[in-house]
Amino acid sequence: MWYFAWILGVTLAILLASMAAMMCDAKECAIEDAKRSTPPEA
């Protein structure tokens, strides 16, 4: 039964890594959009 726990752990780690990458990318895109949408100060 150790193989079941091992494959479950690997799958969870891959899922967590992809979610972290997507969150980081979304944060960077939100910052760039906010900078682009604010009018330049005179």
PDB file of N, CA and C in Angstrom:
ATOM      1  N   MET A   1       0.814  -1.217   0.000  1.00  0.00           N
ATOM      2  CA  MET A   1       0.000   0.000   0.000  1.00  0.00           C
ATOM      3  C   MET A   1       0.852   1.275   0.000  1.00  0.00           C
ATOM      4  N   TRP A   2       2.158   1.159   0.170  1.00  0.00           N
ATOM      5  CA  TRP A   2       3.007   2.347   0.191  1.00  0.00           C
ATOM      6  C   TRP A   2       2.973   3.075  -1.145  1.00  0.00           C
ATOM      7  N   TYR A   3       2.787   2.327  -2.234  1.00  0.00           N
ATOM      8  CA  TYR A   3       2.785   2.944  -3.564  1.00  0.00           C
ATOM      9  C   TYR A   3       1.587   3.868  -3.729  1.00  0.00           C
ATOM     10  N   PHE A   4       0.482   3.555  -3.084  1.00  0.00           N
ATOM     11  CA  PHE A   4      -0.691   4.422  -3.173  1.00  0.00           C
ATOM     12  C   PHE A   4      -0.408   5.762  -2.500  1.00  0.00           C
ATOM     13  N   ALA A   5       0.185   5.729  -1.324  1.00  0.00           N
ATOM     14  CA  ALA A   5       0.519   6.967  -0.626  1.00  0.00           C
ATOM     15  C   ALA A   5       1.575   7.759  -1.397  1.00  0.00           C
ATOM     16  N   TRP A   6       2.527   7.055  -2.028  1.00  0.00           N
ATOM     17  CA  TRP A   6       3.593   7.717  -2.772  1.00  0.00           C
ATOM     18  C   TRP A   6       3.032   8.444  -3.993  1.00  0.00           C
ATOM     19  N   ILE A   7       2.196   7.780  -4.765  1.00  0.00           N
ATOM     20  CA  ILE A   7       1.648   8.399  -5.975  1.00  0.00           C
ATOM     21  C   ILE A   7       0.682   9.522  -5.612  1.00  0.00           C
ATOM     22  N   LEU A   8      -0.015   9.374  -4.494  1.00  0.00           N
ATOM     23  CA  LEU A   8      -0.900  10.438  -4.032  1.00  0.00           C
ATOM     24  C   LEU A   8      -0.086  11.666  -3.622  1.00  0.00           C
ATOM     25  N   GLY A   9       1.032  11.444  -2.941  1.00  0.00           N
ATOM     26  CA  GLY A   9       1.894  12.555  -2.532  1.00  0.00           C
ATOM     27  C   GLY A   9       2.515  13.265  -3.714  1.00  0.00           C
ATOM     28  N   VAL A  10       2.970  12.509  -4.708  1.00  0.00           N
ATOM     29  CA  VAL A  10       3.562  13.118  -5.898  1.00  0.00           C
ATOM     30  C   VAL A  10       2.515  13.928  -6.651  1.00  0.00           C
ATOM     31  N   THR A  11       1.331  13.375  -6.797  1.00  0.00           N
ATOM     32  CA  THR A  11       0.250  14.086  -7.484  1.00  0.00           C
ATOM     33  C   THR A  11      -0.110  15.374  -6.750  1.00  0.00           C
ATOM     34  N   LEU A  12      -0.183  15.313  -5.444  1.00  0.00           N
ATOM     35  CA  LEU A  12      -0.502  16.500  -4.655  1.00  0.00           C
ATOM     36  C   LEU A  12       0.592  17.553  -4.777  1.00  0.00           C
ATOM     37  N   ALA A  13       1.854  17.133  -4.779  1.00  0.00           N
ATOM     38  CA  ALA A  13       2.959  18.078  -4.920  1.00  0.00           C
ATOM     39  C   ALA A  13       2.932  18.767  -6.279  1.00  0.00           C
ATOM     40  N   ILE A  14       2.654  18.020  -7.329  1.00  0.00           N
ATOM     41  CA  ILE A  14       2.574  18.600  -8.669  1.00  0.00           C
ATOM     42  C   ILE A  14       1.408  19.578  -8.759  1.00  0.00           C
ATOM     43  N   LEU A  15       0.280  19.210  -8.204  1.00  0.00           N
ATOM     44  CA  LEU A  15      -0.891  20.079  -8.199  1.00  0.00           C
ATOM     45  C   LEU A  15      -0.609  21.375  -7.435  1.00  0.00           C
ATOM     46  N   LEU A  16       0.037  21.263  -6.286  1.00  0.00           N
ATOM     47  CA  LEU A  16       0.354  22.435  -5.481  1.00  0.00           C
ATOM     48  C   LEU A  16       1.344  23.347  -6.198  1.00  0.00           C
ATOM     49  N   ALA A  17       2.339  22.755  -6.859  1.00  0.00           N
ATOM     50  CA  ALA A  17       3.321  23.557  -7.588  1.00  0.00           C
ATOM     51  C   ALA A  17       2.673  24.300  -8.749  1.00  0.00           C
ATOM     52  N   SER A  18       1.777  23.660  -9.459  1.00  0.00           N
ATOM     53  CA  SER A  18       1.123  24.333 -10.588  1.00  0.00           C
ATOM     54  C   SER A  18       0.185  25.439 -10.090  1.00  0.00           C
ATOM     55  N   MET A  19      -0.480  25.208  -8.973  1.00  0.00           N
ATOM     56  CA  MET A  19      -1.340  26.250  -8.413  1.00  0.00           C
ATOM     57  C   MET A  19      -0.516  27.452  -7.955  1.00  0.00           C
ATOM     58  N   ALA A  20       0.631  27.209  -7.349  1.00  0.00           N
ATOM     59  CA  ALA A  20       1.496  28.303  -6.901  1.00  0.00           C
ATOM     60  C   ALA A  20       2.003  29.106  -8.090  1.00  0.00           C
ATOM     61  N   ALA A  21       2.360  28.424  -9.166  1.00  0.00           N
ATOM     62  CA  ALA A  21       2.834  29.120 -10.361  1.00  0.00           C
ATOM     63  C   ALA A  21       1.727  29.965 -10.971  1.00  0.00           C
ATOM     64  N   MET A  22       0.515  29.447 -11.009  1.00  0.00           N
ATOM     65  CA  MET A  22      -0.606  30.205 -11.573  1.00  0.00           C
ATOM     66  C   MET A  22      -0.930  31.423 -10.709  1.00  0.00           C
ATOM     67  N   MET A  23      -0.863  31.277  -9.390  1.00  0.00           N
ATOM     68  CA  MET A  23      -1.145  32.403  -8.504  1.00  0.00           C
ATOM     69  C   MET A  23      -0.088  33.490  -8.655  1.00  0.00           C
ATOM     70  N   CYS A  24       1.174  33.090  -8.773  1.00  0.00           N
ATOM     71  CA  CYS A  24       2.269  34.052  -8.949  1.00  0.00           C
ATOM     72  C   CYS A  24       2.102  34.798 -10.268  1.00  0.00           C
ATOM     73  N   ASP A  25       1.765  34.100 -11.324  1.00  0.00           N
ATOM     74  CA  ASP A  25       1.568  34.718 -12.631  1.00  0.00           C
ATOM     75  C   ASP A  25       0.379  35.672 -12.592  1.00  0.00           C
ATOM     76  N   ALA A  26      -0.690  35.273 -11.937  1.00  0.00           N
ATOM     77  CA  ALA A  26      -1.872  36.125 -11.846  1.00  0.00           C
ATOM     78  C   ALA A  26      -1.562  37.407 -11.067  1.00  0.00           C
ATOM     79  N   LYS A  27      -0.750  37.289 -10.022  1.00  0.00           N
ATOM     80  CA  LYS A  27      -0.391  38.469  -9.233  1.00  0.00           C
ATOM     81  C   LYS A  27       0.430  39.437 -10.075  1.00  0.00           C
ATOM     82  N   GLU A  28       1.395  38.913 -10.834  1.00  0.00           N
ATOM     83  CA  GLU A  28       2.220  39.775 -11.685  1.00  0.00           C
ATOM     84  C   GLU A  28       1.379  40.448 -12.759  1.00  0.00           C
ATOM     85  N   CYS A  29       0.448  39.712 -13.342  1.00  0.00           N
ATOM     86  CA  CYS A  29      -0.418  40.294 -14.371  1.00  0.00           C
ATOM     87  C   CYS A  29      -1.309  41.376 -13.776  1.00  0.00           C
ATOM     88  N   ALA A  30      -1.795  41.176 -12.570  1.00  0.00           N
ATOM     89  CA  ALA A  30      -2.658  42.177 -11.932  1.00  0.00           C
ATOM     90  C   ALA A  30      -1.879  43.458 -11.651  1.00  0.00           C
ATOM     91  N   ILE A  31      -0.626  43.334 -11.231  1.00  0.00           N
ATOM     92  CA  ILE A  31       0.195  44.513 -10.962  1.00  0.00           C
ATOM     93  C   ILE A  31       0.456  45.275 -12.263  1.00  0.00           C
ATOM     94  N   GLU A  32       0.773  44.540 -13.343  1.00  0.00           N
ATOM     95  CA  GLU A  32       1.021  45.192 -14.631  1.00  0.00           C
ATOM     96  C   GLU A  32      -0.240  45.870 -15.150  1.00  0.00           C
ATOM     97  N   ASP A  33      -1.394  45.250 -14.992  1.00  0.00           N
ATOM     98  CA  ASP A  33      -2.644  45.850 -15.446  1.00  0.00           C
ATOM     99  C   ASP A  33      -2.965  47.113 -14.653  1.00  0.00           C
ATOM    100  N   ALA A  34      -2.691  47.080 -13.356  1.00  0.00           N
ATOM    101  CA  ALA A  34      -2.955  48.258 -12.531  1.00  0.00           C
ATOM    102  C   ALA A  34      -2.046  49.413 -12.939  1.00  0.00           C
ATOM    103  N   LYS A  35      -0.798  49.111 -13.226  1.00  0.00           N
ATOM    104  CA  LYS A  35       0.117  50.169 -13.671  1.00  0.00           C
ATOM    105  C   LYS A  35      -0.308  50.732 -15.023  1.00  0.00           C
ATOM    106  N   ARG A  36      -0.784  49.869 -15.913  1.00  0.00           N
ATOM    107  CA  ARG A  36      -1.164  50.279 -17.255  1.00  0.00           C
ATOM    108  C   ARG A  36      -2.454  51.100 -17.237  1.00  0.00           C
ATOM    109  N   SER A  37      -3.374  50.804 -16.304  1.00  0.00           N
ATOM    110  CA  SER A  37      -4.676  51.465 -16.317  1.00  0.00           C
ATOM    111  C   SER A  37      -4.670  52.809 -15.583  1.00  0.00           C
ATOM    112  N   THR A  38      -3.685  53.051 -14.715  1.00  0.00           N
ATOM    113  CA  THR A  38      -3.653  54.326 -14.003  1.00  0.00           C
ATOM    114  C   THR A  38      -3.092  55.413 -14.936  1.00  0.00           C
ATOM    115  N   PRO A  39      -3.734  56.564 -14.976  1.00  0.00           N
ATOM    116  CA  PRO A  39      -3.226  57.635 -15.850  1.00  0.00           C
ATOM    117  C   PRO A  39      -1.932  58.217 -15.280  1.00  0.00           C
ATOM    118  N   PRO A  40      -1.030  58.636 -16.140  1.00  0.00           N
ATOM    119  CA  PRO A  40       0.233  59.240 -15.654  1.00  0.00           C
ATOM    120  C   PRO A  40      -0.037  60.566 -14.972  1.00  0.00           C
ATOM    121  N   GLU A  41       0.678  60.784 -13.887  1.00  0.00           N
ATOM    122  CA  GLU A  41       0.493  62.035 -13.141  1.00  0.00           C
ATOM    123  C   GLU A  41       1.316  63.137 -13.793  1.00  0.00           C
ATOM    124  N   ALA A  42       0.714  64.323 -13.883  1.00  0.00           N
ATOM    125  CA  ALA A  42       1.397  65.438 -14.533  1.00  0.00           C
ATOM    126  C   ALA A  42       2.151  66.278 -13.505  1.00  0.00           C
TER     127      ALA A  42
END
